[in-house]
Amino acid sequence: MELTYTEINGYLIPDLILPETDTRPIGKYGELRRQFLQEHRPDLFDLMLLEGTLHSHLADVDTEARQMVEDTINQMARQQGVDEALKRADPLDWAGRMNAIKNAAEEMVLPDLLYGDALE
């Protein structure tokens, strides 16, 4: 790879071009992963940023986390009998129970996925 330079005000500036990036949104879980990498694994964060793989990694983490949380929510809701019948009969109870299930599902799924090193 040959590097070219452009002279600006007497300084030679390398002509660096960033690689094409993924345009998928990174979402809530991707953003949490980004924050973790930036604060606790700055070496990995910088490497992925320089290689142009950070955005794709974050989008992949978000997609996987979202799917795992959704699957866990559906499984837990079935096990606890939180269904459409309860939603019609008592919407407030249904909403409260679904929020509790979502929080529990996120606590089960997210620590390893977002804060671990499994997806490096």
Protein backbone atom coordinates (compact mmCIF):
# COMPACT_ATOMS: atom_id res chain seq x y z
CA MET A 1 0.00 0.00 0.00
CA GLU A 2 1.50 3.30 -1.07
CA LEU A 3 0.68 6.35 0.97
CA THR A 4 0.27 9.68 -0.78
CA TYR A 5 0.45 13.13 0.76
CA THR A 6 -1.06 16.54 0.14
CA GLU A 7 0.84 19.70 1.02
CA ILE A 8 -1.16 22.18 3.05
CA ASN A 9 0.53 25.35 4.35
CA GLY A 10 3.94 23.72 4.09
CA TYR A 11 2.92 20.53 5.88
CA LEU A 12 2.59 17.14 4.23
CA ILE A 13 -0.71 15.60 5.28
CA PRO A 14 -1.30 11.90 4.50
CA ASP A 15 -4.25 11.21 2.21
CA LEU A 16 -6.16 8.84 4.46
CA ILE A 17 -9.49 7.44 3.36
CA LEU A 18 -11.74 5.73 5.84
CA PRO A 19 -13.12 2.40 4.69
CA GLU A 20 -16.77 2.06 3.77
CA THR A 21 -18.83 1.78 6.92
CA ASP A 22 -21.94 -0.08 7.82
CA THR A 23 -25.00 2.18 7.94
CA ARG A 24 -27.16 0.02 10.21
CA PRO A 25 -28.29 1.78 13.38
CA ILE A 26 -26.45 0.65 16.50
CA GLY A 27 -29.44 0.98 18.84
CA LYS A 28 -29.59 0.88 22.62
CA TYR A 29 -27.54 -2.28 23.11
CA GLY A 30 -24.91 -1.29 20.57
CA GLU A 31 -24.53 2.04 22.33
CA LEU A 32 -24.10 0.28 25.68
CA ARG A 33 -21.39 -1.91 24.11
CA ARG A 34 -19.69 1.18 22.65
CA GLN A 35 -19.63 2.86 26.06
CA PHE A 36 -18.20 -0.27 27.67
CA LEU A 37 -15.45 -0.61 25.06
CA GLN A 38 -14.58 3.07 25.25
CA GLU A 39 -14.36 3.10 29.05
CA HIS A 40 -12.97 -0.36 29.84
CA ARG A 41 -11.28 -1.59 26.66
CA PRO A 42 -9.95 1.54 24.96
CA ASP A 43 -7.28 -0.50 23.17
CA LEU A 44 -9.89 -2.68 21.49
CA PHE A 45 -12.14 0.32 20.83
CA ASP A 46 -9.31 2.21 19.10
CA LEU A 47 -8.24 -0.83 17.08
CA MET A 48 -11.77 -1.47 15.82
CA LEU A 49 -12.20 2.22 15.05
CA LEU A 50 -8.97 2.33 13.05
CA GLU A 51 -9.77 -0.89 11.19
CA GLY A 52 -13.25 0.39 10.35
CA THR A 53 -14.98 -2.53 12.09
CA LEU A 54 -16.42 -0.74 15.13
CA HIS A 55 -19.78 0.25 13.64
CA SER A 56 -20.40 -3.23 12.19
CA HIS A 57 -19.47 -4.81 15.52
CA LEU A 58 -21.85 -2.53 17.43
CA ALA A 59 -24.68 -3.15 14.96
CA ASP A 60 -24.11 -6.93 15.23
CA VAL A 61 -24.11 -6.77 19.04
CA ASP A 62 -27.32 -4.73 19.00
CA THR A 63 -29.06 -7.17 16.65
CA GLU A 64 -27.98 -10.22 18.64
CA ALA A 65 -28.82 -8.66 22.01
CA ARG A 66 -32.21 -7.47 20.81
CA GLN A 67 -33.07 -10.95 19.51
CA MET A 68 -31.88 -12.70 22.67
CA VAL A 69 -33.80 -10.32 24.93
CA GLU A 70 -36.95 -10.70 22.82
CA ASP A 71 -36.71 -14.51 22.88
CA THR A 72 -36.16 -14.50 26.65
CA ILE A 73 -39.10 -12.14 27.19
CA ASN A 74 -41.41 -14.38 25.14
CA GLN A 75 -40.28 -17.49 27.02
CA MET A 76 -40.66 -15.88 30.45
CA ALA A 77 -44.06 -14.41 29.58
CA ARG A 78 -45.32 -17.85 28.52
CA GLN A 79 -43.97 -19.44 31.72
CA GLN A 80 -45.62 -16.80 33.91
CA GLY A 81 -48.94 -16.79 32.04
CA VAL A 82 -48.63 -13.18 30.88
CA ASP A 83 -50.66 -13.28 27.68
CA GLU A 84 -53.26 -11.42 25.61
CA ALA A 85 -56.06 -12.57 27.91
CA LEU A 86 -54.37 -10.86 30.86
CA LYS A 87 -53.73 -7.81 28.68
CA ARG A 88 -57.46 -7.50 27.91
CA ALA A 89 -58.55 -8.28 31.47
CA ASP A 90 -56.10 -6.07 33.36
CA PRO A 91 -53.89 -3.87 31.15
CA LEU A 92 -52.05 -2.24 34.07
CA ASP A 93 -51.15 -5.57 35.64
CA TRP A 94 -50.04 -6.87 32.23
CA ALA A 95 -47.84 -3.79 31.64
CA GLY A 96 -46.26 -4.04 35.08
CA ARG A 97 -45.53 -7.73 34.70
CA MET A 98 -44.14 -7.28 31.18
CA ASN A 99 -41.84 -4.49 32.39
CA ALA A 100 -40.58 -6.75 35.19
CA ILE A 101 -40.05 -9.57 32.68
CA LYS A 102 -38.16 -7.26 30.31
CA ASN A 103 -35.90 -6.05 33.10
CA ALA A 104 -35.20 -9.61 34.22
CA ALA A 105 -34.52 -10.72 30.63
CA GLU A 106 -32.04 -7.87 30.11
CA GLU A 107 -30.29 -8.70 33.39
CA MET A 108 -29.92 -12.32 32.26
CA VAL A 109 -28.78 -11.73 28.70
CA LEU A 110 -26.84 -8.49 28.55
CA PRO A 111 -23.93 -8.82 30.99
CA ASP A 112 -22.08 -11.49 29.00
CA LEU A 113 -23.06 -10.12 25.61
CA LEU A 114 -22.37 -6.43 26.15
CA TYR A 115 -19.73 -6.42 28.83
CA GLY A 116 -17.84 -9.61 28.04
CA ASP A 117 -15.21 -10.30 25.45
CA ALA A 118 -17.13 -13.01 23.60
CA LEU A 119 -17.72 -10.93 20.48
CA GLU A 120 -14.20 -9.71 19.90
